[in-house]
Amino acid sequence: MFSHMDLKLTILFIGFVFGNFVTAFFVSKLYTDKKPTEFGSKNAGTANVGAVLGKKAGFFSLLGRCIENSYSYCTDMVSFS
């Protein structure tokens, strides 16, 4: 089965993958079918999506980012505890 170190590395990898997930990109594609780097400040972030697409899109982008960061933090805490 898995050793303790294998489990920690697997959890760390999952946290890394979730840490690289850009929710602003998916919110932008959902609302406009464009990448966030194609409008506004050309930044793929929550502020750009919120400024161009409105508060609702900005909120969903921020919410997704918070969930993503919380998951990454929790997986890292489990890995290194």
N, C-alpha and C. Protein backbone atom coordinates (compact mmCIF):
# COMPACT_ATOMS: atom_id res chain seq x y z
N MET A 1 0.84 -1.18 0.00
CA MET A 1 0.00 0.00 0.00
C MET A 1 0.89 1.25 0.00
N PHE A 2 0.34 2.37 0.40
CA PHE A 2 1.10 3.62 0.44
C PHE A 2 1.85 3.77 1.75
N SER A 3 3.06 4.27 1.66
CA SER A 3 3.78 4.62 2.88
C SER A 3 3.35 6.02 3.29
N HIS A 4 3.75 6.41 4.47
CA HIS A 4 3.38 7.73 4.99
C HIS A 4 3.94 8.84 4.09
N MET A 5 5.16 8.65 3.59
CA MET A 5 5.78 9.64 2.72
C MET A 5 5.06 9.72 1.37
N ASP A 6 4.65 8.58 0.82
CA ASP A 6 3.90 8.58 -0.44
C ASP A 6 2.59 9.34 -0.31
N LEU A 7 1.93 9.15 0.81
CA LEU A 7 0.67 9.85 1.06
C LEU A 7 0.89 11.35 1.15
N LYS A 8 1.94 11.76 1.86
CA LYS A 8 2.24 13.19 1.97
C LYS A 8 2.57 13.81 0.61
N LEU A 9 3.35 13.10 -0.19
CA LEU A 9 3.69 13.62 -1.52
C LEU A 9 2.47 13.70 -2.43
N THR A 10 1.58 12.74 -2.32
CA THR A 10 0.35 12.77 -3.11
C THR A 10 -0.52 13.94 -2.71
N ILE A 11 -0.68 14.16 -1.43
CA ILE A 11 -1.48 15.29 -0.93
C ILE A 11 -0.83 16.61 -1.33
N LEU A 12 0.48 16.69 -1.24
CA LEU A 12 1.19 17.90 -1.65
C LEU A 12 1.00 18.18 -3.13
N PHE A 13 1.04 17.15 -3.96
CA PHE A 13 0.83 17.31 -5.39
C PHE A 13 -0.59 17.80 -5.69
N ILE A 14 -1.59 17.24 -5.01
CA ILE A 14 -2.98 17.67 -5.19
C ILE A 14 -3.12 19.14 -4.79
N GLY A 15 -2.50 19.54 -3.69
CA GLY A 15 -2.52 20.95 -3.29
C GLY A 15 -1.87 21.85 -4.32
N PHE A 16 -0.78 21.38 -4.91
CA PHE A 16 -0.10 22.14 -5.95
C PHE A 16 -0.99 22.33 -7.17
N VAL A 17 -1.67 21.26 -7.58
CA VAL A 17 -2.57 21.34 -8.74
C VAL A 17 -3.69 22.34 -8.47
N PHE A 18 -4.30 22.27 -7.29
CA PHE A 18 -5.37 23.21 -6.97
C PHE A 18 -4.83 24.64 -6.85
N GLY A 19 -3.60 24.81 -6.43
CA GLY A 19 -2.99 26.13 -6.32
C GLY A 19 -2.76 26.79 -7.66
N ASN A 20 -2.69 26.01 -8.73
CA ASN A 20 -2.47 26.55 -10.07
C ASN A 20 -3.76 26.73 -10.86
N PHE A 21 -4.87 26.49 -10.25
CA PHE A 21 -6.17 26.63 -10.89
C PHE A 21 -6.59 28.10 -10.86
N VAL A 22 -6.77 28.72 -12.02
CA VAL A 22 -7.12 30.15 -12.10
C VAL A 22 -8.63 30.26 -12.31
N THR A 23 -9.36 30.58 -11.24
CA THR A 23 -10.82 30.63 -11.34
C THR A 23 -11.29 31.80 -12.20
N ALA A 24 -10.53 32.88 -12.25
CA ALA A 24 -10.92 34.03 -13.07
C ALA A 24 -11.01 33.63 -14.54
N PHE A 25 -10.14 32.73 -14.96
CA PHE A 25 -10.16 32.26 -16.35
C PHE A 25 -11.49 31.56 -16.65
N PHE A 26 -11.92 30.68 -15.75
CA PHE A 26 -13.15 29.92 -15.99
C PHE A 26 -14.40 30.78 -15.85
N VAL A 27 -14.38 31.72 -14.92
CA VAL A 27 -15.52 32.64 -14.80
C VAL A 27 -15.62 33.50 -16.05
N SER A 28 -14.50 33.97 -16.55
CA SER A 28 -14.49 34.78 -17.77
C SER A 28 -15.01 34.00 -18.97
N LYS A 29 -14.57 32.75 -19.10
CA LYS A 29 -15.04 31.92 -20.22
C LYS A 29 -16.53 31.64 -20.11
N LEU A 30 -17.02 31.50 -18.89
CA LEU A 30 -18.44 31.26 -18.66
C LEU A 30 -19.28 32.47 -19.05
N TYR A 31 -18.81 33.66 -18.71
CA TYR A 31 -19.58 34.87 -18.97
C TYR A 31 -19.44 35.38 -20.40
N THR A 32 -18.23 35.31 -20.98
CA THR A 32 -18.00 35.97 -22.27
C THR A 32 -17.43 35.07 -23.35
N ASP A 33 -17.01 33.88 -23.02
CA ASP A 33 -16.33 32.98 -23.93
C ASP A 33 -15.01 33.58 -24.42
N LYS A 34 -14.42 34.47 -23.60
CA LYS A 34 -13.11 35.04 -23.89
C LYS A 34 -12.19 34.79 -22.70
N LYS A 35 -10.91 34.80 -22.97
CA LYS A 35 -9.92 34.69 -21.90
C LYS A 35 -9.82 36.05 -21.21
N PRO A 36 -9.55 36.08 -19.90
CA PRO A 36 -9.43 37.38 -19.22
C PRO A 36 -8.22 38.18 -19.69
N THR A 37 -7.29 37.54 -20.37
CA THR A 37 -6.13 38.27 -20.89
C THR A 37 -6.45 38.98 -22.20
N GLU A 38 -7.69 38.87 -22.66
CA GLU A 38 -8.08 39.52 -23.92
C GLU A 38 -8.88 40.80 -23.71
N PHE A 39 -9.12 41.18 -22.46
CA PHE A 39 -9.87 42.41 -22.20
C PHE A 39 -9.37 43.09 -20.95
N GLY A 40 -9.81 44.34 -20.77
CA GLY A 40 -9.43 45.11 -19.58
C GLY A 40 -7.94 45.32 -19.47
N SER A 41 -7.40 45.02 -18.30
CA SER A 41 -5.97 45.23 -18.06
C SER A 41 -5.12 44.09 -18.61
N LYS A 42 -5.75 43.12 -19.21
CA LYS A 42 -5.09 41.94 -19.77
C LYS A 42 -4.44 41.07 -18.70
N ASN A 43 -4.90 41.21 -17.47
CA ASN A 43 -4.42 40.41 -16.35
C ASN A 43 -5.44 39.31 -16.08
N ALA A 44 -4.98 38.10 -15.85
CA ALA A 44 -5.89 36.97 -15.62
C ALA A 44 -6.24 36.86 -14.15
N GLY A 45 -6.69 37.95 -13.56
CA GLY A 45 -7.00 37.95 -12.13
C GLY A 45 -8.41 38.38 -11.81
N THR A 46 -8.74 38.26 -10.55
CA THR A 46 -10.08 38.59 -10.05
C THR A 46 -10.42 40.06 -10.27
N ALA A 47 -9.45 40.95 -10.04
CA ALA A 47 -9.72 42.38 -10.18
C ALA A 47 -10.11 42.74 -11.62
N ASN A 48 -9.42 42.17 -12.57
CA ASN A 48 -9.73 42.44 -13.98
C ASN A 48 -11.12 41.90 -14.33
N VAL A 49 -11.42 40.68 -13.92
CA VAL A 49 -12.72 40.09 -14.22
C VAL A 49 -13.83 40.90 -13.56
N GLY A 50 -13.63 41.30 -12.31
CA GLY A 50 -14.64 42.09 -11.61
C GLY A 50 -14.84 43.46 -12.22
N ALA A 51 -13.76 44.09 -12.65
CA ALA A 51 -13.86 45.43 -13.24
C ALA A 51 -14.56 45.40 -14.59
N VAL A 52 -14.31 44.40 -15.39
CA VAL A 52 -14.86 44.35 -16.73
C VAL A 52 -16.23 43.67 -16.78
N LEU A 53 -16.38 42.57 -16.06
CA LEU A 53 -17.61 41.79 -16.15
C LEU A 53 -18.61 42.07 -15.04
N GLY A 54 -18.23 42.84 -14.05
CA GLY A 54 -19.16 43.22 -13.00
C GLY A 54 -18.88 42.53 -11.67
N LYS A 55 -19.63 43.00 -10.66
CA LYS A 55 -19.41 42.53 -9.29
C LYS A 55 -19.72 41.05 -9.12
N LYS A 56 -20.75 40.57 -9.80
CA LYS A 56 -21.14 39.16 -9.65
C LYS A 56 -20.04 38.24 -10.16
N ALA A 57 -19.50 38.52 -11.32
CA ALA A 57 -18.40 37.71 -11.86
C ALA A 57 -17.16 37.84 -10.99
N GLY A 58 -16.89 39.03 -10.50
CA GLY A 58 -15.75 39.24 -9.60
C GLY A 58 -15.92 38.46 -8.31
N PHE A 59 -17.15 38.43 -7.78
CA PHE A 59 -17.42 37.68 -6.56
C PHE A 59 -17.19 36.19 -6.76
N PHE A 60 -17.69 35.63 -7.87
CA PHE A 60 -17.50 34.20 -8.13
C PHE A 60 -16.03 33.86 -8.34
N SER A 61 -15.32 34.76 -8.99
CA SER A 61 -13.89 34.55 -9.17
C SER A 61 -13.16 34.57 -7.82
N LEU A 62 -13.52 35.51 -6.98
CA LEU A 62 -12.91 35.60 -5.64
C LEU A 62 -13.29 34.41 -4.78
N LEU A 63 -14.53 34.00 -4.83
CA LEU A 63 -14.99 32.84 -4.06
C LEU A 63 -14.24 31.58 -4.48
N GLY A 64 -14.10 31.39 -5.78
CA GLY A 64 -13.35 30.23 -6.26
C GLY A 64 -11.90 30.27 -5.81
N ARG A 65 -11.33 31.46 -5.83
CA ARG A 65 -9.93 31.61 -5.41
C ARG A 65 -9.78 31.32 -3.92
N CYS A 66 -10.74 31.75 -3.12
CA CYS A 66 -10.70 31.48 -1.68
C CYS A 66 -10.83 29.99 -1.39
N ILE A 67 -11.73 29.34 -2.08
CA ILE A 67 -11.90 27.88 -1.89
C ILE A 67 -10.63 27.15 -2.32
N GLU A 68 -10.08 27.55 -3.43
CA GLU A 68 -8.85 26.93 -3.94
C GLU A 68 -7.70 27.10 -2.95
N ASN A 69 -7.53 28.31 -2.44
CA ASN A 69 -6.45 28.57 -1.50
C ASN A 69 -6.66 27.85 -0.18
N SER A 70 -7.90 27.77 0.28
CA SER A 70 -8.19 27.05 1.51
C SER A 70 -7.86 25.57 1.36
N TYR A 71 -8.23 25.00 0.23
CA TYR A 71 -7.93 23.59 -0.01
C TYR A 71 -6.43 23.36 -0.07
N SER A 72 -5.73 24.23 -0.78
CA SER A 72 -4.27 24.10 -0.88
C SER A 72 -3.61 24.21 0.49
N TYR A 73 -4.07 25.16 1.28
CA TYR A 73 -3.52 25.35 2.62
C TYR A 73 -3.75 24.11 3.48
N CYS A 74 -4.96 23.58 3.45
CA CYS A 74 -5.29 22.40 4.26
C CYS A 74 -4.48 21.18 3.84
N THR A 75 -4.33 20.98 2.54
CA THR A 75 -3.54 19.83 2.09
C THR A 75 -2.07 19.99 2.47
N ASP A 76 -1.56 21.21 2.41
CA ASP A 76 -0.17 21.43 2.82
C ASP A 76 0.00 21.23 4.32
N MET A 77 -0.98 21.64 5.10
CA MET A 77 -0.90 21.44 6.56
C MET A 77 -0.90 19.95 6.89
N VAL A 78 -1.69 19.18 6.18
CA VAL A 78 -1.71 17.73 6.41
C VAL A 78 -0.38 17.11 5.99
N SER A 79 0.16 17.61 4.88
CA SER A 79 1.42 17.05 4.37
C SER A 79 2.59 17.30 5.31
N PHE A 80 2.62 18.47 5.92
CA PHE A 80 3.78 18.84 6.72
C PHE A 80 3.55 18.76 8.22
N SER A 81 2.47 18.14 8.63
CA SER A 81 2.24 18.01 10.08
C SER A 81 2.72 16.67 10.58
